[in-house]
PDB file of N, CA and C in Angstrom:
ATOM      1  N   MET A   1       0.959  -1.157   0.103  1.00  0.00           N
ATOM      2  CA  MET A   1      -0.076   0.013  -0.151  1.00  0.00           C
ATOM      3  C   MET A   1       0.810   1.309  -0.124  1.00  0.00           C
ATOM      4  N   THR A   2       1.753   1.111   0.858  1.00  0.00           N
ATOM      5  CA  THR A   2       2.920   2.492   0.694  1.00  0.00           C
ATOM      6  C   THR A   2       3.377   3.127  -0.374  1.00  0.00           C
ATOM      7  N   HIS A   3       3.634   1.563  -1.455  1.00  0.00           N
ATOM      8  CA  HIS A   3       4.249   2.117  -2.981  1.00  0.00           C
ATOM      9  C   HIS A   3       3.202   2.660  -3.597  1.00  0.00           C
ATOM     10  N   LEU A   4       1.876   2.066  -3.477  1.00  0.00           N
ATOM     11  CA  LEU A   4       1.183   2.449  -4.311  1.00  0.00           C
ATOM     12  C   LEU A   4       0.969   4.235  -4.151  1.00  0.00           C
ATOM     13  N   LEU A   5       0.815   4.265  -2.710  1.00  0.00           N
ATOM     14  CA  LEU A   5       0.540   5.638  -2.338  1.00  0.00           C
ATOM     15  C   LEU A   5       1.769   6.745  -2.726  1.00  0.00           C
ATOM     16  N   ALA A   6       2.914   6.188  -2.496  1.00  0.00           N
ATOM     17  CA  ALA A   6       4.212   6.847  -3.310  1.00  0.00           C
ATOM     18  C   ALA A   6       4.235   7.166  -4.982  1.00  0.00           C
ATOM     19  N   ALA A   7       3.771   6.074  -5.321  1.00  0.00           N
ATOM     20  CA  ALA A   7       3.772   6.263  -6.901  1.00  0.00           C
ATOM     21  C   ALA A   7       2.289   7.276  -7.210  1.00  0.00           C
ATOM     22  N   ALA A   8       1.436   7.531  -6.356  1.00  0.00           N
ATOM     23  CA  ALA A   8       0.053   8.176  -6.401  1.00  0.00           C
ATOM     24  C   ALA A   8       0.718   9.792  -6.591  1.00  0.00           C
ATOM     25  N   TRP A   9       1.461   9.752  -5.029  1.00  0.00           N
ATOM     26  CA  TRP A   9       1.967  11.316  -5.206  1.00  0.00           C
ATOM     27  C   TRP A   9       3.153  11.632  -6.148  1.00  0.00           C
ATOM     28  N   LEU A  10       3.958  10.894  -6.703  1.00  0.00           N
ATOM     29  CA  LEU A  10       4.787  10.773  -7.707  1.00  0.00           C
ATOM     30  C   LEU A  10       3.879  11.127  -8.821  1.00  0.00           C
ATOM     31  N   LEU A  11       2.706  10.874  -9.299  1.00  0.00           N
ATOM     32  CA  LEU A  11       2.112  11.051 -10.726  1.00  0.00           C
ATOM     33  C   LEU A  11       1.446  12.531 -10.189  1.00  0.00           C
ATOM     34  N   GLN A  12       1.265  12.739  -8.862  1.00  0.00           N
ATOM     35  CA  GLN A  12       0.621  14.042  -8.929  1.00  0.00           C
ATOM     36  C   GLN A  12       1.602  15.389  -9.091  1.00  0.00           C
ATOM     37  N   LYS A  13       2.413  14.956  -8.565  1.00  0.00           N
ATOM     38  CA  LYS A  13       3.975  16.004  -8.483  1.00  0.00           C
ATOM     39  C   LYS A  13       4.277  16.058 -10.436  1.00  0.00           C
ATOM     40  N   THR A  14       4.151  14.895 -11.082  1.00  0.00           N
ATOM     41  CA  THR A  14       4.575  14.884 -12.287  1.00  0.00           C
ATOM     42  C   THR A  14       3.195  15.743 -13.381  1.00  0.00           C
ATOM     43  N   LEU A  15       1.982  15.336 -12.476  1.00  0.00           N
ATOM     44  CA  LEU A  15       0.792  16.249 -13.451  1.00  0.00           C
ATOM     45  C   LEU A  15       1.076  17.782 -13.020  1.00  0.00           C
ATOM     46  N   SER A  16       1.825  18.220 -11.961  1.00  0.00           N
ATOM     47  CA  SER A  16       1.786  19.863 -11.599  1.00  0.00           C
ATOM     48  C   SER A  16       2.931  20.238 -12.574  1.00  0.00           C
ATOM     49  N   PHE A  17       4.038  19.449 -12.606  1.00  0.00           N
ATOM     50  CA  PHE A  17       5.197  19.916 -13.324  1.00  0.00           C
ATOM     51  C   PHE A  17       4.802  19.866 -15.223  1.00  0.00           C
ATOM     52  N   ALA A  18       4.308  19.360 -15.235  1.00  0.00           N
ATOM     53  CA  ALA A  18       3.927  18.925 -16.852  1.00  0.00           C
ATOM     54  C   ALA A  18       3.061  20.041 -17.235  1.00  0.00           C
ATOM     55  N   GLY A  19       1.987  20.048 -16.452  1.00  0.00           N
ATOM     56  CA  GLY A  19       0.983  21.300 -16.549  1.00  0.00           C
ATOM     57  C   GLY A  19       1.637  22.168 -16.758  1.00  0.00           C
ATOM     58  N   LEU A  20       2.475  22.980 -15.814  1.00  0.00           N
ATOM     59  CA  LEU A  20       3.414  24.038 -16.002  1.00  0.00           C
ATOM     60  C   LEU A  20       3.859  24.328 -17.216  1.00  0.00           C
ATOM     61  N   ALA A  21       4.446  23.111 -17.437  1.00  0.00           N
ATOM     62  CA  ALA A  21       5.494  23.197 -19.014  1.00  0.00           C
ATOM     63  C   ALA A  21       4.316  23.351 -20.168  1.00  0.00           C
ATOM     64  N   VAL A  22       3.133  22.654 -20.021  1.00  0.00           N
ATOM     65  CA  VAL A  22       2.434  22.638 -21.233  1.00  0.00           C
ATOM     66  C   VAL A  22       1.874  23.983 -21.226  1.00  0.00           C
ATOM     67  N   ALA A  23       1.591  24.537 -20.179  1.00  0.00           N
ATOM     68  CA  ALA A  23       0.931  26.077 -20.133  1.00  0.00           C
ATOM     69  C   ALA A  23       2.037  27.125 -21.045  1.00  0.00           C
ATOM     70  N   LEU A  24       3.435  26.814 -20.204  1.00  0.00           N
ATOM     71  CA  LEU A  24       4.083  27.771 -20.811  1.00  0.00           C
ATOM     72  C   LEU A  24       4.471  27.724 -22.421  1.00  0.00           C
ATOM     73  N   VAL A  25       4.716  26.381 -22.756  1.00  0.00           N
ATOM     74  CA  VAL A  25       4.584  26.234 -24.267  1.00  0.00           C
ATOM     75  C   VAL A  25       3.269  26.835 -25.217  1.00  0.00           C
ATOM     76  N   GLY A  26       2.160  26.584 -24.398  1.00  0.00           N
ATOM     77  CA  GLY A  26       1.362  27.524 -24.825  1.00  0.00           C
ATOM     78  C   GLY A  26       1.301  29.138 -24.856  1.00  0.00           C
ATOM     79  N   VAL A  27       1.969  29.561 -23.956  1.00  0.00           N
ATOM     80  CA  VAL A  27       1.730  31.102 -24.330  1.00  0.00           C
ATOM     81  C   VAL A  27       3.005  31.295 -25.130  1.00  0.00           C
ATOM     82  N   ALA A  28       3.972  30.648 -25.025  1.00  0.00           N
ATOM     83  CA  ALA A  28       5.430  30.667 -26.032  1.00  0.00           C
ATOM     84  C   ALA A  28       4.662  30.623 -27.491  1.00  0.00           C
ATOM     85  N   THR A  29       3.888  29.705 -27.830  1.00  0.00           N
ATOM     86  CA  THR A  29       3.066  29.193 -29.145  1.00  0.00           C
ATOM     87  C   THR A  29       2.290  30.345 -29.423  1.00  0.00           C
ATOM     88  N   PHE A  30       1.380  31.095 -28.663  1.00  0.00           N
ATOM     89  CA  PHE A  30       0.496  31.820 -28.690  1.00  0.00           C
ATOM     90  C   PHE A  30       1.370  33.461 -29.135  1.00  0.00           C
ATOM     91  N   GLY A  31       2.403  33.677 -28.332  1.00  0.00           N
ATOM     92  CA  GLY A  31       3.141  34.845 -28.480  1.00  0.00           C
ATOM     93  C   GLY A  31       3.966  34.979 -29.808  1.00  0.00           C
ATOM     94  N   TRP A  32       4.362  33.773 -30.018  1.00  0.00           N
ATOM     95  CA  TRP A  32       4.965  33.828 -31.416  1.00  0.00           C
ATOM     96  C   TRP A  32       4.209  33.937 -32.371  1.00  0.00           C
ATOM     97  N   HIS A  33       3.221  33.493 -32.840  1.00  0.00           N
ATOM     98  CA  HIS A  33       2.212  33.810 -33.804  1.00  0.00           C
ATOM     99  C   HIS A  33       1.430  35.114 -33.845  1.00  0.00           C
ATOM    100  N   PHE A  34       1.856  35.638 -32.422  1.00  0.00           N
ATOM    101  CA  PHE A  34       0.800  36.987 -32.503  1.00  0.00           C
ATOM    102  C   PHE A  34       1.905  38.032 -32.755  1.00  0.00           C
ATOM    103  N   VAL A  35       3.163  37.883 -32.471  1.00  0.00           N
ATOM    104  CA  VAL A  35       4.477  38.749 -32.964  1.00  0.00           C
ATOM    105  C   VAL A  35       4.810  38.294 -34.304  1.00  0.00           C
ATOM    106  N   HIS A  36       4.405  37.403 -34.806  1.00  0.00           N
ATOM    107  CA  HIS A  36       4.965  37.076 -36.235  1.00  0.00           C
ATOM    108  C   HIS A  36       3.726  37.737 -36.973  1.00  0.00           C
ATOM    109  N   ILE A  37       2.834  37.352 -37.183  1.00  0.00           N
ATOM    110  CA  ILE A  37       1.502  38.577 -37.525  1.00  0.00           C
ATOM    111  C   ILE A  37       1.605  39.711 -37.496  1.00  0.00           C
ATOM    112  N   SER A  38       1.726  40.167 -36.377  1.00  0.00           N
ATOM    113  CA  SER A  38       1.800  41.682 -36.162  1.00  0.00           C
ATOM    114  C   SER A  38       2.907  42.045 -36.665  1.00  0.00           C
ATOM    115  N   ALA A  39       4.283  41.593 -36.895  1.00  0.00           N
ATOM    116  CA  ALA A  39       5.431  42.228 -37.400  1.00  0.00           C
ATOM    117  C   ALA A  39       5.098  42.009 -38.669  1.00  0.00           C
ATOM    118  N   LEU A  40       4.461  40.833 -39.596  1.00  0.00           N
ATOM    119  CA  LEU A  40       4.135  40.979 -40.667  1.00  0.00           C
ATOM    120  C   LEU A  40       3.173  42.153 -41.227  1.00  0.00           C
ATOM    121  N   ALA A  41       2.291  42.694 -40.423  1.00  0.00           N
ATOM    122  CA  ALA A  41       1.688  43.759 -40.624  1.00  0.00           C
ATOM    123  C   ALA A  41       1.795  44.881 -40.535  1.00  0.00           C
ATOM    124  N   ALA A  42       2.939  45.355 -39.599  1.00  0.00           N
ATOM    125  CA  ALA A  42       3.785  46.258 -39.443  1.00  0.00           C
ATOM    126  C   ALA A  42       4.519  47.008 -40.890  1.00  0.00           C
ATOM    127  N   GLN A  43       4.649  46.044 -41.710  1.00  0.00           N
ATOM    128  CA  GLN A  43       5.665  46.335 -43.013  1.00  0.00           C
ATOM    129  C   GLN A  43       4.516  46.951 -43.930  1.00  0.00           C
ATOM    130  N   GLY A  44       3.389  47.002 -43.426  1.00  0.00           N
ATOM    131  CA  GLY A  44       2.262  47.434 -44.515  1.00  0.00           C
ATOM    132  C   GLY A  44       1.962  48.930 -44.088  1.00  0.00           C
ATOM    133  N   GLU A  45       1.142  49.662 -44.603  1.00  0.00           N
ATOM    134  CA  GLU A  45       0.789  51.007 -44.526  1.00  0.00           C
ATOM    135  C   GLU A  45       0.197  51.494 -43.363  1.00  0.00           C
ATOM    136  N   THR A  46      -0.837  50.496 -42.740  1.00  0.00           N
ATOM    137  CA  THR A  46      -1.570  50.784 -41.677  1.00  0.00           C
ATOM    138  C   THR A  46      -0.946  50.743 -40.404  1.00  0.00           C
ATOM    139  N   GLY A  47      -0.237  49.919 -40.012  1.00  0.00           N
ATOM    140  CA  GLY A  47       0.497  49.902 -38.946  1.00  0.00           C
ATOM    141  C   GLY A  47      -0.685  49.342 -37.795  1.00  0.00           C
ATOM    142  N   GLU A  48      -1.718  49.070 -38.056  1.00  0.00           N
ATOM    143  CA  GLU A  48      -2.587  48.173 -37.662  1.00  0.00           C
ATOM    144  C   GLU A  48      -2.606  46.714 -36.857  1.00  0.00           C
ATOM    145  N   ILE A  49      -2.638  46.155 -35.506  1.00  0.00           N
ATOM    146  CA  ILE A  49      -2.467  44.936 -35.480  1.00  0.00           C
ATOM    147  C   ILE A  49      -3.951  44.010 -35.904  1.00  0.00           C
ATOM    148  N   PRO A  50      -3.611  43.284 -36.800  1.00  0.00           N
ATOM    149  CA  PRO A  50      -4.772  42.597 -37.539  1.00  0.00           C
ATOM    150  C   PRO A  50      -5.214  41.759 -36.488  1.00  0.00           C
ATOM    151  N   PRO A  51      -6.729  41.415 -36.693  1.00  0.00           N
ATOM    152  CA  PRO A  51      -7.784  40.562 -35.795  1.00  0.00           C
ATOM    153  C   PRO A  51      -6.953  38.921 -36.003  1.00  0.00           C
ATOM    154  N   GLU A  52      -6.485  38.970 -37.162  1.00  0.00           N
ATOM    155  CA  GLU A  52      -6.139  37.176 -37.280  1.00  0.00           C
ATOM    156  C   GLU A  52      -4.641  37.487 -36.169  1.00  0.00           C
ATOM    157  N   SER A  53      -4.269  38.436 -35.443  1.00  0.00           N
ATOM    158  CA  SER A  53      -3.023  37.718 -34.822  1.00  0.00           C
ATOM    159  C   SER A  53      -3.320  37.234 -33.283  1.00  0.00           C
ATOM    160  N   TRP A  54      -4.699  37.458 -33.027  1.00  0.00           N
ATOM    161  CA  TRP A  54      -5.282  36.524 -31.752  1.00  0.00           C
ATOM    162  C   TRP A  54      -6.115  35.783 -31.961  1.00  0.00           C
ATOM    163  N   ARG A  55      -6.639  36.037 -33.295  1.00  0.00           N
ATOM    164  CA  ARG A  55      -7.930  34.795 -33.428  1.00  0.00           C
ATOM    165  C   ARG A  55      -7.666  34.124 -34.423  1.00  0.00           C
ATOM    166  N   GLY A  56      -6.653  34.246 -34.954  1.00  0.00           N
ATOM    167  CA  GLY A  56      -6.356  33.435 -36.326  1.00  0.00           C
ATOM    168  C   GLY A  56      -5.984  31.808 -35.893  1.00  0.00           C
ATOM    169  N   ARG A  57      -5.356  30.790 -36.502  1.00  0.00           N
ATOM    170  CA  ARG A  57      -5.273  29.611 -36.469  1.00  0.00           C
ATOM    171  C   ARG A  57      -4.059  28.986 -35.328  1.00  0.00           C
ATOM    172  N   GLY A  58      -3.375  29.945 -35.350  1.00  0.00           N
ATOM    173  CA  GLY A  58      -1.812  29.719 -34.692  1.00  0.00           C
ATOM    174  C   GLY A  58      -2.315  30.199 -33.505  1.00  0.00           C
ATOM    175  N   ALA A  59      -2.763  31.403 -33.140  1.00  0.00           N
ATOM    176  CA  ALA A  59      -2.980  31.701 -31.732  1.00  0.00           C
ATOM    177  C   ALA A  59      -4.306  30.891 -31.149  1.00  0.00           C
ATOM    178  N   LYS A  60      -5.132  30.188 -31.813  1.00  0.00           N
ATOM    179  CA  LYS A  60      -6.322  29.339 -31.541  1.00  0.00           C
ATOM    180  C   LYS A  60      -5.708  28.150 -30.784  1.00  0.00           C
ATOM    181  N   PHE A  61      -4.257  27.795 -31.422  1.00  0.00           N
ATOM    182  CA  PHE A  61      -3.888  26.539 -31.266  1.00  0.00           C
ATOM    183  C   PHE A  61      -2.925  26.829 -30.225  1.00  0.00           C
ATOM    184  N   GLY A  62      -2.202  27.767 -30.075  1.00  0.00           N
ATOM    185  CA  GLY A  62      -1.122  28.146 -28.558  1.00  0.00           C
ATOM    186  C   GLY A  62      -2.503  28.346 -27.249  1.00  0.00           C
ATOM    187  N   LEU A  63      -3.371  29.164 -27.627  1.00  0.00           N
ATOM    188  CA  LEU A  63      -4.537  28.793 -26.478  1.00  0.00           C
ATOM    189  C   LEU A  63      -4.850  27.581 -25.991  1.00  0.00           C
ATOM    190  N   LEU A  64      -5.312  26.637 -26.819  1.00  0.00           N
ATOM    191  CA  LEU A  64      -5.596  25.113 -26.726  1.00  0.00           C
ATOM    192  C   LEU A  64      -4.606  24.692 -26.029  1.00  0.00           C
ATOM    193  N   ILE A  65      -3.190  24.734 -26.520  1.00  0.00           N
ATOM    194  CA  ILE A  65      -2.243  24.232 -25.715  1.00  0.00           C
ATOM    195  C   ILE A  65      -2.090  24.841 -24.011  1.00  0.00           C
ATOM    196  N   LEU A  66      -1.999  26.284 -24.003  1.00  0.00           N
ATOM    197  CA  LEU A  66      -2.554  26.749 -22.831  1.00  0.00           C
ATOM    198  C   LEU A  66      -3.567  26.170 -21.823  1.00  0.00           C
ATOM    199  N   ALA A  67      -4.631  26.056 -22.569  1.00  0.00           N
ATOM    200  CA  ALA A  67      -5.900  25.528 -22.066  1.00  0.00           C
ATOM    201  C   ALA A  67      -5.578  23.845 -21.094  1.00  0.00           C
ATOM    202  N   SER A  68      -4.821  23.174 -22.133  1.00  0.00           N
ATOM    203  CA  SER A  68      -4.410  21.845 -21.551  1.00  0.00           C
ATOM    204  C   SER A  68      -3.634  21.823 -20.390  1.00  0.00           C
ATOM    205  N   GLY A  69      -2.607  22.734 -20.404  1.00  0.00           N
ATOM    206  CA  GLY A  69      -1.971  22.961 -19.337  1.00  0.00           C
ATOM    207  C   GLY A  69      -2.600  23.188 -18.073  1.00  0.00           C
ATOM    208  N   VAL A  70      -3.571  24.006 -18.346  1.00  0.00           N
ATOM    209  CA  VAL A  70      -4.458  24.474 -17.210  1.00  0.00           C
ATOM    210  C   VAL A  70      -5.118  23.121 -16.639  1.00  0.00           C
ATOM    211  N   VAL A  71      -5.707  22.512 -17.368  1.00  0.00           N
ATOM    212  CA  VAL A  71      -6.694  21.455 -17.281  1.00  0.00           C
ATOM    213  C   VAL A  71      -5.368  20.294 -16.559  1.00  0.00           C
ATOM    214  N   LEU A  72      -4.225  20.162 -16.827  1.00  0.00           N
ATOM    215  CA  LEU A  72      -3.449  19.237 -16.152  1.00  0.00           C
ATOM    216  C   LEU A  72      -3.008  19.703 -14.986  1.00  0.00           C
ATOM    217  N   THR A  73      -2.930  21.148 -14.563  1.00  0.00           N
ATOM    218  CA  THR A  73      -2.561  21.564 -13.244  1.00  0.00           C
ATOM    219  C   THR A  73      -4.016  21.472 -12.525  1.00  0.00           C
ATOM    220  N   LEU A  74      -5.121  21.572 -12.968  1.00  0.00           N
ATOM    221  CA  LEU A  74      -6.459  21.473 -12.613  1.00  0.00           C
ATOM    222  C   LEU A  74      -6.360  19.851 -11.818  1.00  0.00           C
ATOM    223  N   ALA A  75      -5.973  19.436 -12.560  1.00  0.00           N
ATOM    224  CA  ALA A  75      -6.273  17.790 -12.204  1.00  0.00           C
ATOM    225  C   ALA A  75      -5.288  17.489 -11.282  1.00  0.00           C
ATOM    226  N   SER A  76      -4.220  18.303 -11.162  1.00  0.00           N
ATOM    227  CA  SER A  76      -2.979  17.998 -10.453  1.00  0.00           C
ATOM    228  C   SER A  76      -3.764  18.507  -8.739  1.00  0.00           C
ATOM    229  N   ILE A  77      -3.818  19.096  -9.013  1.00  0.00           N
ATOM    230  CA  ILE A  77      -4.916  19.622  -7.669  1.00  0.00           C
ATOM    231  C   ILE A  77      -5.806  19.053  -7.180  1.00  0.00           C
ATOM    232  N   ALA A  78      -6.896  18.437  -8.030  1.00  0.00           N
ATOM    233  CA  ALA A  78      -7.731  17.731  -7.578  1.00  0.00           C
ATOM    234  C   ALA A  78      -7.312  16.635  -6.961  1.00  0.00           C
ATOM    235  N   PHE A  79      -6.079  15.868  -7.745  1.00  0.00           N
ATOM    236  CA  PHE A  79      -5.792  14.317  -7.226  1.00  0.00           C
ATOM    237  C   PHE A  79      -5.125  14.937  -5.737  1.00  0.00           C
ATOM    238  N   ALA A  80      -4.429  16.060  -5.454  1.00  0.00           N
ATOM    239  CA  ALA A  80      -3.780  16.203  -4.487  1.00  0.00           C
ATOM    240  C   ALA A  80      -4.664  16.278  -3.139  1.00  0.00           C
ATOM    241  N   ALA A  81      -6.214  16.456  -3.739  1.00  0.00           N
ATOM    242  CA  ALA A  81      -6.874  16.892  -2.337  1.00  0.00           C
ATOM    243  C   ALA A  81      -7.573  15.504  -1.992  1.00  0.00           C
ATOM    244  N   ILE A  82      -7.481  14.839  -3.185  1.00  0.00           N
ATOM    245  CA  ILE A  82      -8.106  13.218  -2.965  1.00  0.00           C
ATOM    246  C   ILE A  82      -7.071  12.491  -2.286  1.00  0.00           C
ATOM    247  N   LEU A  83      -5.893  12.441  -2.231  1.00  0.00           N
ATOM    248  CA  LEU A  83      -4.679  11.943  -1.565  1.00  0.00           C
ATOM    249  C   LEU A  83      -4.727  11.921  -0.398  1.00  0.00           C
ATOM    250  N   PRO A  84      -4.323  11.112   0.604  1.00  0.00           N
ATOM    251  CA  PRO A  84      -3.927  11.341   2.314  1.00  0.00           C
ATOM    252  C   PRO A  84      -2.654  12.154   1.720  1.00  0.00           C
ATOM    253  N   SER A  85      -2.420  12.404   3.169  1.00  0.00           N
ATOM    254  CA  SER A  85      -0.929  13.228   3.184  1.00  0.00           C
ATOM    255  C   SER A  85      -0.095  12.194   3.111  1.00  0.00           C
ATOM    256  N   GLU A  86       1.256  12.406   3.010  1.00  0.00           N
ATOM    257  CA  GLU A  86       2.453  11.243   3.326  1.00  0.00           C
ATOM    258  C   GLU A  86       2.455  11.216   4.599  1.00  0.00           C
TER     259      GLU A  86
END
Protein backbone atom coordinates (compact mmCIF):
# COMPACT_ATOMS: atom_id res chain seq x y z
CA MET A 1 0.00 0.00 0.00
CA THR A 2 2.86 2.37 0.78
CA HIS A 3 4.35 1.90 -2.68
CA LEU A 4 1.01 2.61 -4.32
CA LEU A 5 0.60 5.79 -2.31
CA ALA A 6 4.14 6.90 -3.15
CA ALA A 7 3.45 6.26 -6.84
CA ALA A 8 0.22 8.28 -6.62
CA TRP A 9 2.06 11.24 -5.09
CA LEU A 10 4.73 10.96 -7.78
CA LEU A 11 1.98 11.03 -10.42
CA GLN A 12 0.49 14.12 -8.79
CA LYS A 13 3.82 15.96 -8.87
CA THR A 14 4.39 14.88 -12.46
CA LEU A 15 0.98 16.22 -13.47
CA SER A 16 1.73 19.48 -11.70
CA PHE A 17 5.07 20.07 -13.42
CA ALA A 18 3.81 18.82 -16.78
CA GLY A 19 0.84 21.18 -16.55
CA LEU A 20 3.16 24.11 -15.92
CA ALA A 21 5.44 23.14 -18.80
CA VAL A 22 2.55 22.66 -21.23
CA ALA A 23 0.99 25.99 -20.19
CA LEU A 24 4.29 27.79 -20.81
CA VAL A 25 4.60 26.17 -24.24
CA GLY A 26 1.06 27.38 -24.99
CA VAL A 27 1.92 30.95 -23.99
CA ALA A 28 5.08 30.82 -26.12
CA THR A 29 3.17 29.45 -29.12
CA PHE A 30 0.48 32.11 -28.83
CA GLY A 31 3.10 34.83 -28.42
CA TRP A 32 5.14 33.69 -31.38
CA HIS A 33 2.13 33.68 -33.69
CA PHE A 34 0.92 37.02 -32.36
CA VAL A 35 4.30 38.72 -32.83
CA HIS A 36 4.89 37.08 -36.21
CA ILE A 37 1.58 38.23 -37.70
CA SER A 38 1.89 41.67 -36.11
CA ALA A 39 5.39 42.09 -37.54
CA LEU A 40 4.17 41.16 -41.00
CA ALA A 41 1.35 43.70 -40.65
CA ALA A 42 3.77 46.40 -39.49
CA GLN A 43 5.51 46.22 -42.86
CA GLY A 44 2.31 47.51 -44.45
CA GLU A 45 1.04 51.06 -44.54
CA THR A 46 -1.64 50.94 -41.83
CA GLY A 47 0.46 49.77 -38.87
CA GLU A 48 -2.61 48.28 -37.21
CA ILE A 49 -2.62 44.94 -35.41
CA PRO A 50 -4.77 42.61 -37.50
CA PRO A 51 -7.51 40.62 -35.76
CA GLU A 52 -5.89 37.45 -37.10
CA SER A 53 -3.06 38.02 -34.60
CA TRP A 54 -5.16 36.87 -31.66
CA ARG A 55 -8.01 35.12 -33.46
CA GLY A 56 -6.07 33.28 -36.15
CA ARG A 57 -5.34 29.59 -36.42
CA GLY A 58 -1.93 29.78 -34.69
CA ALA A 59 -3.20 31.87 -31.80
CA LYS A 60 -6.12 29.50 -31.23
CA PHE A 61 -3.71 26.56 -31.26
CA GLY A 62 -1.56 28.31 -28.63
CA LEU A 63 -4.59 28.95 -26.47
CA LEU A 64 -5.62 25.30 -26.82
CA ILE A 65 -2.19 24.22 -25.58
CA LEU A 66 -2.44 26.72 -22.71
CA ALA A 67 -5.86 25.36 -21.76
CA SER A 68 -4.47 21.82 -21.79
CA GLY A 69 -1.77 22.88 -19.34
CA VAL A 70 -4.35 24.48 -17.07
CA VAL A 71 -6.44 21.30 -17.14
CA LEU A 72 -3.40 19.22 -16.20
CA THR A 73 -2.63 21.56 -13.32
CA LEU A 74 -6.23 21.49 -12.10
CA ALA A 75 -6.21 17.68 -12.31
CA SER A 76 -3.06 17.69 -10.21
CA ILE A 77 -4.74 19.88 -7.57
CA ALA A 78 -7.83 17.69 -7.49
CA PHE A 79 -5.70 14.56 -7.27
CA ALA A 80 -3.72 16.05 -4.36
CA ALA A 81 -6.95 16.86 -2.55
CA ILE A 82 -8.12 13.26 -2.83
CA LEU A 83 -4.86 11.63 -1.72
CA PRO A 84 -4.09 11.22 1.98
CA SER A 85 -1.08 13.12 3.28
CA GLU A 86 2.34 11.51 2.99
